[in-house]
ModelCIF file with pLDDT and N, C-alpha, C, O atoms, coordinates in Angstrom:
data_MODEL
#
_entry.id   MODEL 
#
_entity.id                         1 
_entity.type                       polymer 
_entity.pdbx_number_of_molecules   1 
#
_entity_poly.entity_id                      1 
_entity_poly.type                           'polypeptide(L)' 
_entity_poly.nstd_linkage                   no 
_entity_poly.nstd_monomer                   no 
_entity_poly.pdbx_seq_one_letter_code       ANLSEPLLYRFYGDINELLVDVVHYFYRFDKSVQKTIQSKNGSCVEK 
_entity_poly.pdbx_seq_one_letter_code_can   ANLSEPLLYRFYGDINELLVDVVHYFYRFDKSVQKTIQSKNGSCVEK 
_entity_poly.pdbx_strand_id                 A 
#
loop_
_entity_poly_seq.entity_id 
_entity_poly_seq.num 
_entity_poly_seq.mon_id 
_entity_poly_seq.hetero 
1 1  ALA n 
1 2  ASN n 
1 3  LEU n 
1 4  SER n 
1 5  GLU n 
1 6  PRO n 
1 7  LEU n 
1 8  LEU n 
1 9  TYR n 
1 10 ARG n 
1 11 PHE n 
1 12 TYR n 
1 13 GLY n 
1 14 ASP n 
1 15 ILE n 
1 16 ASN n 
1 17 GLU n 
1 18 LEU n 
1 19 LEU n 
1 20 VAL n 
1 21 ASP n 
1 22 VAL n 
1 23 VAL n 
1 24 HIS n 
1 25 TYR n 
1 26 PHE n 
1 27 TYR n 
1 28 ARG n 
1 29 PHE n 
1 30 ASP n 
1 31 LYS n 
1 32 SER n 
1 33 VAL n 
1 34 GLN n 
1 35 LYS n 
1 36 THR n 
1 37 ILE n 
1 38 GLN n 
1 39 SER n 
1 40 LYS n 
1 41 ASN n 
1 42 GLY n 
1 43 SER n 
1 44 CYS n 
1 45 VAL n 
1 46 GLU n 
1 47 LYS n 
#
_struct_asym.id          A 
_struct_asym.entity_id   1 
#
loop_
_ma_qa_metric.id 
_ma_qa_metric.mode 
_ma_qa_metric.name 
_ma_qa_metric.software_group_id 
_ma_qa_metric.type 
1 global pLDDT . pLDDT 
2 local  pLDDT . pLDDT 
#
_ma_qa_metric_global.metric_id      1 
_ma_qa_metric_global.metric_value   93.74 
_ma_qa_metric_global.model_id       1 
_ma_qa_metric_global.ordinal_id     1 
#
loop_
_ma_qa_metric_local.label_asym_id 
_ma_qa_metric_local.label_comp_id 
_ma_qa_metric_local.label_seq_id 
_ma_qa_metric_local.metric_id 
_ma_qa_metric_local.metric_value 
_ma_qa_metric_local.model_id 
_ma_qa_metric_local.ordinal_id 
A ALA 1  2 93.00 1 1  
A ASN 2  2 93.00 1 2  
A LEU 3  2 93.00 1 3  
A SER 4  2 93.00 1 4  
A GLU 5  2 93.00 1 5  
A PRO 6  2 93.00 1 6  
A LEU 7  2 93.00 1 7  
A LEU 8  2 93.00 1 8  
A TYR 9  2 93.00 1 9  
A ARG 10 2 94.00 1 10 
A PHE 11 2 94.00 1 11 
A TYR 12 2 95.00 1 12 
A GLY 13 2 93.00 1 13 
A ASP 14 2 95.00 1 14 
A ILE 15 2 96.00 1 15 
A ASN 16 2 96.00 1 16 
A GLU 17 2 96.00 1 17 
A LEU 18 2 96.00 1 18 
A LEU 19 2 96.00 1 19 
A VAL 20 2 97.00 1 20 
A ASP 21 2 96.00 1 21 
A VAL 22 2 96.00 1 22 
A VAL 23 2 95.00 1 23 
A HIS 24 2 95.00 1 24 
A TYR 25 2 93.00 1 25 
A PHE 26 2 92.00 1 26 
A TYR 27 2 93.00 1 27 
A ARG 28 2 90.00 1 28 
A PHE 29 2 90.00 1 29 
A ASP 30 2 92.00 1 30 
A LYS 31 2 91.00 1 31 
A SER 32 2 91.00 1 32 
A VAL 33 2 92.00 1 33 
A GLN 34 2 94.00 1 34 
A LYS 35 2 94.00 1 35 
A THR 36 2 93.00 1 36 
A ILE 37 2 95.00 1 37 
A GLN 38 2 91.00 1 38 
A SER 39 2 93.00 1 39 
A LYS 40 2 91.00 1 40 
A ASN 41 2 92.00 1 41 
A GLY 42 2 93.00 1 42 
A SER 43 2 95.00 1 43 
A CYS 44 2 96.00 1 44 
A VAL 45 2 96.00 1 45 
A GLU 46 2 96.00 1 46 
A LYS 47 2 96.00 1 47 
#
loop_
_atom_site.group_PDB 
_atom_site.id 
_atom_site.type_symbol 
_atom_site.label_atom_id 
_atom_site.label_alt_id 
_atom_site.label_comp_id 
_atom_site.label_asym_id 
_atom_site.label_entity_id 
_atom_site.label_seq_id 
_atom_site.pdbx_PDB_ins_code 
_atom_site.Cartn_x 
_atom_site.Cartn_y 
_atom_site.Cartn_z 
_atom_site.occupancy 
_atom_site.B_iso_or_equiv 
_atom_site.pdbx_formal_charge 
_atom_site.auth_seq_id 
_atom_site.auth_comp_id 
_atom_site.auth_asym_id 
_atom_site.auth_atom_id 
_atom_site.pdbx_PDB_model_num 
ATOM 1   N N  . ALA A 1 1  ? 5.054  1.344   14.429  1.00 93.00 ? 1  ALA A N  1 
ATOM 2   C CA . ALA A 1 1  ? 3.509  0.243   14.167  1.00 93.00 ? 1  ALA A CA 1 
ATOM 3   C C  . ALA A 1 1  ? 3.023  0.033   15.756  1.00 93.00 ? 1  ALA A C  1 
ATOM 4   O O  . ALA A 1 1  ? 2.146  -0.802  15.976  1.00 93.00 ? 1  ALA A O  1 
ATOM 5   N N  . ASN A 1 2  ? 3.457  0.609   16.588  1.00 93.00 ? 2  ASN A N  1 
ATOM 6   C CA . ASN A 1 2  ? 2.805  0.631   17.907  1.00 93.00 ? 2  ASN A CA 1 
ATOM 7   C C  . ASN A 1 2  ? 2.908  -1.036  18.358  1.00 93.00 ? 2  ASN A C  1 
ATOM 8   O O  . ASN A 1 2  ? 1.959  -1.568  18.932  1.00 93.00 ? 2  ASN A O  1 
ATOM 9   N N  . LEU A 1 3  ? 3.763  -1.548  18.136  1.00 93.00 ? 3  LEU A N  1 
ATOM 10  C CA . LEU A 1 3  ? 4.082  -2.998  18.405  1.00 93.00 ? 3  LEU A CA 1 
ATOM 11  C C  . LEU A 1 3  ? 5.231  -3.616  19.604  1.00 93.00 ? 3  LEU A C  1 
ATOM 12  O O  . LEU A 1 3  ? 6.255  -2.933  19.614  1.00 93.00 ? 3  LEU A O  1 
ATOM 13  N N  . SER A 1 4  ? 5.238  -4.338  20.228  1.00 93.00 ? 4  SER A N  1 
ATOM 14  C CA . SER A 1 4  ? 6.623  -4.641  20.836  1.00 93.00 ? 4  SER A CA 1 
ATOM 15  C C  . SER A 1 4  ? 7.555  -4.881  20.145  1.00 93.00 ? 4  SER A C  1 
ATOM 16  O O  . SER A 1 4  ? 7.323  -5.446  19.076  1.00 93.00 ? 4  SER A O  1 
ATOM 17  N N  . GLU A 1 5  ? 8.820  -4.572  20.471  1.00 93.00 ? 5  GLU A N  1 
ATOM 18  C CA . GLU A 1 5  ? 9.767  -5.619  19.825  1.00 93.00 ? 5  GLU A CA 1 
ATOM 19  C C  . GLU A 1 5  ? 9.763  -7.148  19.793  1.00 93.00 ? 5  GLU A C  1 
ATOM 20  O O  . GLU A 1 5  ? 9.668  -7.926  18.844  1.00 93.00 ? 5  GLU A O  1 
ATOM 21  N N  . PRO A 1 6  ? 9.914  -7.379  21.288  1.00 93.00 ? 6  PRO A N  1 
ATOM 22  C CA . PRO A 1 6  ? 9.580  -9.277  21.318  1.00 93.00 ? 6  PRO A CA 1 
ATOM 23  C C  . PRO A 1 6  ? 8.402  -9.567  19.849  1.00 93.00 ? 6  PRO A C  1 
ATOM 24  O O  . PRO A 1 6  ? 8.760  -10.265 18.900  1.00 93.00 ? 6  PRO A O  1 
ATOM 25  N N  . LEU A 1 7  ? 7.378  -9.077  19.893  1.00 93.00 ? 7  LEU A N  1 
ATOM 26  C CA . LEU A 1 7  ? 6.700  -9.397  19.042  1.00 93.00 ? 7  LEU A CA 1 
ATOM 27  C C  . LEU A 1 7  ? 7.491  -9.283  17.455  1.00 93.00 ? 7  LEU A C  1 
ATOM 28  O O  . LEU A 1 7  ? 7.367  -10.182 16.623  1.00 93.00 ? 7  LEU A O  1 
ATOM 29  N N  . LEU A 1 8  ? 8.016  -8.481  17.295  1.00 93.00 ? 8  LEU A N  1 
ATOM 30  C CA . LEU A 1 8  ? 8.666  -8.438  16.095  1.00 93.00 ? 8  LEU A CA 1 
ATOM 31  C C  . LEU A 1 8  ? 9.240  -9.834  16.026  1.00 93.00 ? 8  LEU A C  1 
ATOM 32  O O  . LEU A 1 8  ? 8.852  -10.730 15.276  1.00 93.00 ? 8  LEU A O  1 
ATOM 33  N N  . TYR A 1 9  ? 10.100 -9.890  16.806  1.00 93.00 ? 9  TYR A N  1 
ATOM 34  C CA . TYR A 1 9  ? 10.747 -10.970 16.799  1.00 93.00 ? 9  TYR A CA 1 
ATOM 35  C C  . TYR A 1 9  ? 10.237 -12.339 16.555  1.00 93.00 ? 9  TYR A C  1 
ATOM 36  O O  . TYR A 1 9  ? 10.968 -13.198 16.062  1.00 93.00 ? 9  TYR A O  1 
ATOM 37  N N  . ARG A 1 10 ? 9.148  -12.545 16.847  1.00 94.00 ? 10 ARG A N  1 
ATOM 38  C CA . ARG A 1 10 ? 8.256  -13.783 16.467  1.00 94.00 ? 10 ARG A CA 1 
ATOM 39  C C  . ARG A 1 10 ? 8.094  -13.881 15.086  1.00 94.00 ? 10 ARG A C  1 
ATOM 40  O O  . ARG A 1 10 ? 7.892  -14.979 14.567  1.00 94.00 ? 10 ARG A O  1 
ATOM 41  N N  . PHE A 1 11 ? 8.155  -12.925 14.479  1.00 94.00 ? 11 PHE A N  1 
ATOM 42  C CA . PHE A 1 11 ? 8.204  -13.047 12.824  1.00 94.00 ? 11 PHE A CA 1 
ATOM 43  C C  . PHE A 1 11 ? 9.241  -12.944 12.251  1.00 94.00 ? 11 PHE A C  1 
ATOM 44  O O  . PHE A 1 11 ? 9.404  -13.731 11.319  1.00 94.00 ? 11 PHE A O  1 
ATOM 45  N N  . TYR A 1 12 ? 10.307 -11.999 12.542  1.00 95.00 ? 12 TYR A N  1 
ATOM 46  C CA . TYR A 1 12 ? 11.620 -11.795 11.826  1.00 95.00 ? 12 TYR A CA 1 
ATOM 47  C C  . TYR A 1 12 ? 12.688 -11.874 12.800  1.00 95.00 ? 12 TYR A C  1 
ATOM 48  O O  . TYR A 1 12 ? 12.710 -11.137 13.786  1.00 95.00 ? 12 TYR A O  1 
ATOM 49  N N  . GLY A 1 13 ? 13.590 -12.758 12.553  1.00 93.00 ? 13 GLY A N  1 
ATOM 50  C CA . GLY A 1 13 ? 14.753 -12.663 13.412  1.00 93.00 ? 13 GLY A CA 1 
ATOM 51  C C  . GLY A 1 13 ? 15.852 -11.605 13.298  1.00 93.00 ? 13 GLY A C  1 
ATOM 52  O O  . GLY A 1 13 ? 16.761 -11.452 14.114  1.00 93.00 ? 13 GLY A O  1 
ATOM 53  N N  . ASP A 1 14 ? 15.667 -10.939 12.254  1.00 95.00 ? 14 ASP A N  1 
ATOM 54  C CA . ASP A 1 14 ? 16.689 -9.506  12.071  1.00 95.00 ? 14 ASP A CA 1 
ATOM 55  C C  . ASP A 1 14 ? 16.059 -8.781  10.818  1.00 95.00 ? 14 ASP A C  1 
ATOM 56  O O  . ASP A 1 14 ? 15.195 -9.152  10.024  1.00 95.00 ? 14 ASP A O  1 
ATOM 57  N N  . ILE A 1 15 ? 16.783 -7.631  10.917  1.00 96.00 ? 15 ILE A N  1 
ATOM 58  C CA . ILE A 1 15 ? 16.196 -6.862  9.736   1.00 96.00 ? 15 ILE A CA 1 
ATOM 59  C C  . ILE A 1 15 ? 16.478 -7.412  8.562   1.00 96.00 ? 15 ILE A C  1 
ATOM 60  O O  . ILE A 1 15 ? 15.811 -6.950  7.636   1.00 96.00 ? 15 ILE A O  1 
ATOM 61  N N  . ASN A 1 16 ? 17.454 -8.475  8.206   1.00 96.00 ? 16 ASN A N  1 
ATOM 62  C CA . ASN A 1 16 ? 17.814 -8.311  6.981   1.00 96.00 ? 16 ASN A CA 1 
ATOM 63  C C  . ASN A 1 16 ? 16.595 -9.493  6.531   1.00 96.00 ? 16 ASN A C  1 
ATOM 64  O O  . ASN A 1 16 ? 16.220 -9.475  5.358   1.00 96.00 ? 16 ASN A O  1 
ATOM 65  N N  . GLU A 1 17 ? 16.043 -10.428 7.408   1.00 96.00 ? 17 GLU A N  1 
ATOM 66  C CA . GLU A 1 17 ? 14.640 -11.125 7.078   1.00 96.00 ? 17 GLU A CA 1 
ATOM 67  C C  . GLU A 1 17 ? 13.571 -10.644 6.666   1.00 96.00 ? 17 GLU A C  1 
ATOM 68  O O  . GLU A 1 17 ? 12.782 -11.080 5.827   1.00 96.00 ? 17 GLU A O  1 
ATOM 69  N N  . LEU A 1 18 ? 13.546 -9.247  7.593   1.00 96.00 ? 18 LEU A N  1 
ATOM 70  C CA . LEU A 1 18 ? 12.379 -8.403  7.071   1.00 96.00 ? 18 LEU A CA 1 
ATOM 71  C C  . LEU A 1 18 ? 12.553 -7.822  5.622   1.00 96.00 ? 18 LEU A C  1 
ATOM 72  O O  . LEU A 1 18 ? 11.669 -8.057  4.799   1.00 96.00 ? 18 LEU A O  1 
ATOM 73  N N  . LEU A 1 19 ? 13.537 -7.151  5.308   1.00 96.00 ? 19 LEU A N  1 
ATOM 74  C CA . LEU A 1 19 ? 14.168 -7.008  4.006   1.00 96.00 ? 19 LEU A CA 1 
ATOM 75  C C  . LEU A 1 19 ? 14.004 -7.628  3.059   1.00 96.00 ? 19 LEU A C  1 
ATOM 76  O O  . LEU A 1 19 ? 13.974 -7.118  1.939   1.00 96.00 ? 19 LEU A O  1 
ATOM 77  N N  . VAL A 1 20 ? 13.825 -9.174  3.340   1.00 97.00 ? 20 VAL A N  1 
ATOM 78  C CA . VAL A 1 20 ? 13.623 -10.229 1.999   1.00 97.00 ? 20 VAL A CA 1 
ATOM 79  C C  . VAL A 1 20 ? 12.081 -9.725  1.812   1.00 97.00 ? 20 VAL A C  1 
ATOM 80  O O  . VAL A 1 20 ? 11.614 -9.400  0.721   1.00 97.00 ? 20 VAL A O  1 
ATOM 81  N N  . ASP A 1 21 ? 11.346 -9.710  3.072   1.00 96.00 ? 21 ASP A N  1 
ATOM 82  C CA . ASP A 1 21 ? 10.112 -9.782  2.810   1.00 96.00 ? 21 ASP A CA 1 
ATOM 83  C C  . ASP A 1 21 ? 9.643  -8.401  2.204   1.00 96.00 ? 21 ASP A C  1 
ATOM 84  O O  . ASP A 1 21 ? 8.708  -8.381  1.404   1.00 96.00 ? 21 ASP A O  1 
ATOM 85  N N  . VAL A 1 22 ? 10.220 -7.379  2.543   1.00 96.00 ? 22 VAL A N  1 
ATOM 86  C CA . VAL A 1 22 ? 9.762  -6.261  1.724   1.00 96.00 ? 22 VAL A CA 1 
ATOM 87  C C  . VAL A 1 22 ? 10.220 -5.952  0.254   1.00 96.00 ? 22 VAL A C  1 
ATOM 88  O O  . VAL A 1 22 ? 9.672  -5.127  -0.477  1.00 96.00 ? 22 VAL A O  1 
ATOM 89  N N  . VAL A 1 23 ? 11.516 -6.882  -0.142  1.00 95.00 ? 23 VAL A N  1 
ATOM 90  C CA . VAL A 1 23 ? 11.783 -6.972  -1.319  1.00 95.00 ? 23 VAL A CA 1 
ATOM 91  C C  . VAL A 1 23 ? 10.665 -7.838  -2.427  1.00 95.00 ? 23 VAL A C  1 
ATOM 92  O O  . VAL A 1 23 ? 10.358 -7.447  -3.552  1.00 95.00 ? 23 VAL A O  1 
ATOM 93  N N  . HIS A 1 24 ? 10.191 -9.076  -1.763  1.00 95.00 ? 24 HIS A N  1 
ATOM 94  C CA . HIS A 1 24 ? 9.332  -9.860  -2.212  1.00 95.00 ? 24 HIS A CA 1 
ATOM 95  C C  . HIS A 1 24 ? 8.051  -9.206  -2.540  1.00 95.00 ? 24 HIS A C  1 
ATOM 96  O O  . HIS A 1 24 ? 7.383  -9.442  -3.546  1.00 95.00 ? 24 HIS A O  1 
ATOM 97  N N  . TYR A 1 25 ? 7.698  -8.164  -1.385  1.00 93.00 ? 25 TYR A N  1 
ATOM 98  C CA . TYR A 1 25 ? 6.533  -7.312  -1.561  1.00 93.00 ? 25 TYR A CA 1 
ATOM 99  C C  . TYR A 1 25 ? 6.721  -6.386  -2.909  1.00 93.00 ? 25 TYR A C  1 
ATOM 100 O O  . TYR A 1 25 ? 5.847  -6.248  -3.765  1.00 93.00 ? 25 TYR A O  1 
ATOM 101 N N  . PHE A 1 26 ? 7.586  -5.983  -2.929  1.00 92.00 ? 26 PHE A N  1 
ATOM 102 C CA . PHE A 1 26 ? 7.861  -4.732  -4.222  1.00 92.00 ? 26 PHE A CA 1 
ATOM 103 C C  . PHE A 1 26 ? 7.799  -5.459  -5.617  1.00 92.00 ? 26 PHE A C  1 
ATOM 104 O O  . PHE A 1 26 ? 7.256  -4.990  -6.617  1.00 92.00 ? 26 PHE A O  1 
ATOM 105 N N  . TYR A 1 27 ? 8.443  -6.682  -5.532  1.00 93.00 ? 27 TYR A N  1 
ATOM 106 C CA . TYR A 1 27 ? 7.964  -7.286  -6.852  1.00 93.00 ? 27 TYR A CA 1 
ATOM 107 C C  . TYR A 1 27 ? 6.707  -8.278  -6.688  1.00 93.00 ? 27 TYR A C  1 
ATOM 108 O O  . TYR A 1 27 ? 6.678  -9.274  -7.411  1.00 93.00 ? 27 TYR A O  1 
ATOM 109 N N  . ARG A 1 28 ? 5.899  -8.101  -5.976  1.00 90.00 ? 28 ARG A N  1 
ATOM 110 C CA . ARG A 1 28 ? 4.871  -9.368  -5.881  1.00 90.00 ? 28 ARG A CA 1 
ATOM 111 C C  . ARG A 1 28 ? 3.662  -8.978  -7.055  1.00 90.00 ? 28 ARG A C  1 
ATOM 112 O O  . ARG A 1 28 ? 2.967  -9.938  -7.388  1.00 90.00 ? 28 ARG A O  1 
ATOM 113 N N  . PHE A 1 29 ? 3.411  -7.912  -7.583  1.00 90.00 ? 29 PHE A N  1 
ATOM 114 C CA . PHE A 1 29 ? 2.399  -7.830  -8.497  1.00 90.00 ? 29 PHE A CA 1 
ATOM 115 C C  . PHE A 1 29 ? 3.079  -7.932  -9.832  1.00 90.00 ? 29 PHE A C  1 
ATOM 116 O O  . PHE A 1 29 ? 2.418  -7.523  -10.787 1.00 90.00 ? 29 PHE A O  1 
ATOM 117 N N  . ASP A 1 30 ? 4.268  -8.398  -10.070 1.00 92.00 ? 30 ASP A N  1 
ATOM 118 C CA . ASP A 1 30 ? 4.694  -8.341  -10.947 1.00 92.00 ? 30 ASP A CA 1 
ATOM 119 C C  . ASP A 1 30 ? 4.164  -9.057  -12.143 1.00 92.00 ? 30 ASP A C  1 
ATOM 120 O O  . ASP A 1 30 ? 3.898  -8.533  -13.225 1.00 92.00 ? 30 ASP A O  1 
ATOM 121 N N  . LYS A 1 31 ? 4.037  -10.379 -11.811 1.00 91.00 ? 31 LYS A N  1 
ATOM 122 C CA . LYS A 1 31 ? 3.533  -11.634 -12.608 1.00 91.00 ? 31 LYS A CA 1 
ATOM 123 C C  . LYS A 1 31 ? 2.133  -11.135 -12.976 1.00 91.00 ? 31 LYS A C  1 
ATOM 124 O O  . LYS A 1 31 ? 1.807  -11.149 -14.163 1.00 91.00 ? 31 LYS A O  1 
ATOM 125 N N  . SER A 1 32 ? 1.196  -10.649 -11.942 1.00 91.00 ? 32 SER A N  1 
ATOM 126 C CA . SER A 1 32 ? -0.045 -10.804 -12.446 1.00 91.00 ? 32 SER A CA 1 
ATOM 127 C C  . SER A 1 32 ? -0.395 -9.474  -13.152 1.00 91.00 ? 32 SER A C  1 
ATOM 128 O O  . SER A 1 32 ? -1.496 -9.327  -13.681 1.00 91.00 ? 32 SER A O  1 
ATOM 129 N N  . VAL A 1 33 ? 0.797  -8.252  -13.159 1.00 92.00 ? 33 VAL A N  1 
ATOM 130 C CA . VAL A 1 33 ? 0.434  -6.954  -14.489 1.00 92.00 ? 33 VAL A CA 1 
ATOM 131 C C  . VAL A 1 33 ? 0.620  -7.839  -15.367 1.00 92.00 ? 33 VAL A C  1 
ATOM 132 O O  . VAL A 1 33 ? -0.341 -8.097  -16.091 1.00 92.00 ? 33 VAL A O  1 
ATOM 133 N N  . GLN A 1 34 ? 1.867  -8.555  -15.573 1.00 94.00 ? 34 GLN A N  1 
ATOM 134 C CA . GLN A 1 34 ? 2.375  -8.865  -16.803 1.00 94.00 ? 34 GLN A CA 1 
ATOM 135 C C  . GLN A 1 34 ? 1.398  -9.547  -17.665 1.00 94.00 ? 34 GLN A C  1 
ATOM 136 O O  . GLN A 1 34 ? 1.215  -9.330  -18.863 1.00 94.00 ? 34 GLN A O  1 
ATOM 137 N N  . LYS A 1 35 ? 0.576  -10.699 -16.648 1.00 94.00 ? 35 LYS A N  1 
ATOM 138 C CA . LYS A 1 35 ? -0.290 -11.370 -17.567 1.00 94.00 ? 35 LYS A CA 1 
ATOM 139 C C  . LYS A 1 35 ? -1.637 -10.816 -18.139 1.00 94.00 ? 35 LYS A C  1 
ATOM 140 O O  . LYS A 1 35 ? -2.249 -11.239 -19.120 1.00 94.00 ? 35 LYS A O  1 
ATOM 141 N N  . THR A 1 36 ? -2.017 -9.610  -17.179 1.00 93.00 ? 36 THR A N  1 
ATOM 142 C CA . THR A 1 36 ? -3.032 -8.666  -17.352 1.00 93.00 ? 36 THR A CA 1 
ATOM 143 C C  . THR A 1 36 ? -2.950 -8.036  -18.674 1.00 93.00 ? 36 THR A C  1 
ATOM 144 O O  . THR A 1 36 ? -3.882 -7.903  -19.467 1.00 93.00 ? 36 THR A O  1 
ATOM 145 N N  . ILE A 1 37 ? -1.572 -7.613  -18.846 1.00 95.00 ? 37 ILE A N  1 
ATOM 146 C CA . ILE A 1 37 ? -1.064 -6.974  -19.927 1.00 95.00 ? 37 ILE A CA 1 
ATOM 147 C C  . ILE A 1 37 ? -1.215 -8.023  -21.276 1.00 95.00 ? 37 ILE A C  1 
ATOM 148 O O  . ILE A 1 37 ? -1.871 -7.690  -22.263 1.00 95.00 ? 37 ILE A O  1 
ATOM 149 N N  . GLN A 1 38 ? -0.643 -9.090  -21.189 1.00 91.00 ? 38 GLN A N  1 
ATOM 150 C CA . GLN A 1 38 ? -0.634 -10.094 -22.230 1.00 91.00 ? 38 GLN A CA 1 
ATOM 151 C C  . GLN A 1 38 ? -2.146 -10.268 -22.604 1.00 91.00 ? 38 GLN A C  1 
ATOM 152 O O  . GLN A 1 38 ? -2.383 -10.082 -23.797 1.00 91.00 ? 38 GLN A O  1 
ATOM 153 N N  . SER A 1 39 ? -3.225 -10.595 -21.801 1.00 93.00 ? 39 SER A N  1 
ATOM 154 C CA . SER A 1 39 ? -4.244 -10.948 -21.970 1.00 93.00 ? 39 SER A CA 1 
ATOM 155 C C  . SER A 1 39 ? -5.370 -9.696  -22.981 1.00 93.00 ? 39 SER A C  1 
ATOM 156 O O  . SER A 1 39 ? -6.429 -9.833  -23.593 1.00 93.00 ? 39 SER A O  1 
ATOM 157 N N  . LYS A 1 40 ? -4.508 -8.600  -22.736 1.00 91.00 ? 40 LYS A N  1 
ATOM 158 C CA . LYS A 1 40 ? -5.488 -7.361  -23.325 1.00 91.00 ? 40 LYS A CA 1 
ATOM 159 C C  . LYS A 1 40 ? -5.162 -7.477  -24.878 1.00 91.00 ? 40 LYS A C  1 
ATOM 160 O O  . LYS A 1 40 ? -4.114 -7.765  -25.455 1.00 91.00 ? 40 LYS A O  1 
ATOM 161 N N  . ASN A 1 41 ? -6.285 -7.188  -25.295 1.00 92.00 ? 41 ASN A N  1 
ATOM 162 C CA . ASN A 1 41 ? -6.298 -7.083  -26.845 1.00 92.00 ? 41 ASN A CA 1 
ATOM 163 C C  . ASN A 1 41 ? -6.001 -5.331  -27.256 1.00 92.00 ? 41 ASN A C  1 
ATOM 164 O O  . ASN A 1 41 ? -6.185 -4.331  -26.562 1.00 92.00 ? 41 ASN A O  1 
ATOM 165 N N  . GLY A 1 42 ? -5.543 -5.452  -28.484 1.00 93.00 ? 42 GLY A N  1 
ATOM 166 C CA . GLY A 1 42 ? -4.726 -3.873  -28.363 1.00 93.00 ? 42 GLY A CA 1 
ATOM 167 C C  . GLY A 1 42 ? -3.374 -3.883  -29.198 1.00 93.00 ? 42 GLY A C  1 
ATOM 168 O O  . GLY A 1 42 ? -2.779 -4.959  -29.256 1.00 93.00 ? 42 GLY A O  1 
ATOM 169 N N  . SER A 1 43 ? -2.969 -3.049  -29.692 1.00 95.00 ? 43 SER A N  1 
ATOM 170 C CA . SER A 1 43 ? -1.440 -2.969  -30.248 1.00 95.00 ? 43 SER A CA 1 
ATOM 171 C C  . SER A 1 43 ? -0.468 -3.222  -29.417 1.00 95.00 ? 43 SER A C  1 
ATOM 172 O O  . SER A 1 43 ? -0.694 -3.058  -28.218 1.00 95.00 ? 43 SER A O  1 
ATOM 173 N N  . CYS A 1 44 ? 0.671  -3.621  -29.795 1.00 96.00 ? 44 CYS A N  1 
ATOM 174 C CA . CYS A 1 44 ? 1.872  -3.527  -28.803 1.00 96.00 ? 44 CYS A CA 1 
ATOM 175 C C  . CYS A 1 44 ? 2.147  -2.180  -28.082 1.00 96.00 ? 44 CYS A C  1 
ATOM 176 O O  . CYS A 1 44 ? 2.611  -2.077  -26.947 1.00 96.00 ? 44 CYS A O  1 
ATOM 177 N N  . VAL A 1 45 ? 1.820  -1.242  -28.842 1.00 96.00 ? 45 VAL A N  1 
ATOM 178 C CA . VAL A 1 45 ? 2.161  0.240   -28.409 1.00 96.00 ? 45 VAL A CA 1 
ATOM 179 C C  . VAL A 1 45 ? 1.199  0.386   -27.235 1.00 96.00 ? 45 VAL A C  1 
ATOM 180 O O  . VAL A 1 45 ? 1.575  0.928   -26.196 1.00 96.00 ? 45 VAL A O  1 
ATOM 181 N N  . GLU A 1 46 ? 0.011  -0.070  -27.378 1.00 96.00 ? 46 GLU A N  1 
ATOM 182 C CA . GLU A 1 46 ? -0.955 -0.079  -26.468 1.00 96.00 ? 46 GLU A CA 1 
ATOM 183 C C  . GLU A 1 46 ? -0.734 -0.765  -25.158 1.00 96.00 ? 46 GLU A C  1 
ATOM 184 O O  . GLU A 1 46 ? -1.057 -0.264  -24.081 1.00 96.00 ? 46 GLU A O  1 
ATOM 185 N N  . LYS A 1 47 ? -0.210 -1.850  -25.291 1.00 96.00 ? 47 LYS A N  1 
ATOM 186 C CA . LYS A 1 47 ? 0.221  -2.707  -24.395 1.00 96.00 ? 47 LYS A CA 1 
ATOM 187 C C  . LYS A 1 47 ? 1.458  -1.964  -23.509 1.00 96.00 ? 47 LYS A C  1 
ATOM 188 O O  . LYS A 1 47 ? 2.022  -2.578  -22.603 1.00 96.00 ? 47 LYS A O  1 
#
């Protein structure tokens, strides 16, 4: 990332804290995708 390690520690105390945000990022669009699908007209198969 071309950042200093001390700068990383300003955001994350350790790798596990960062992994928590990575996993949240992985799932972050689920609710909006689901809401979009439910609002669509069409058959269940189309959804």
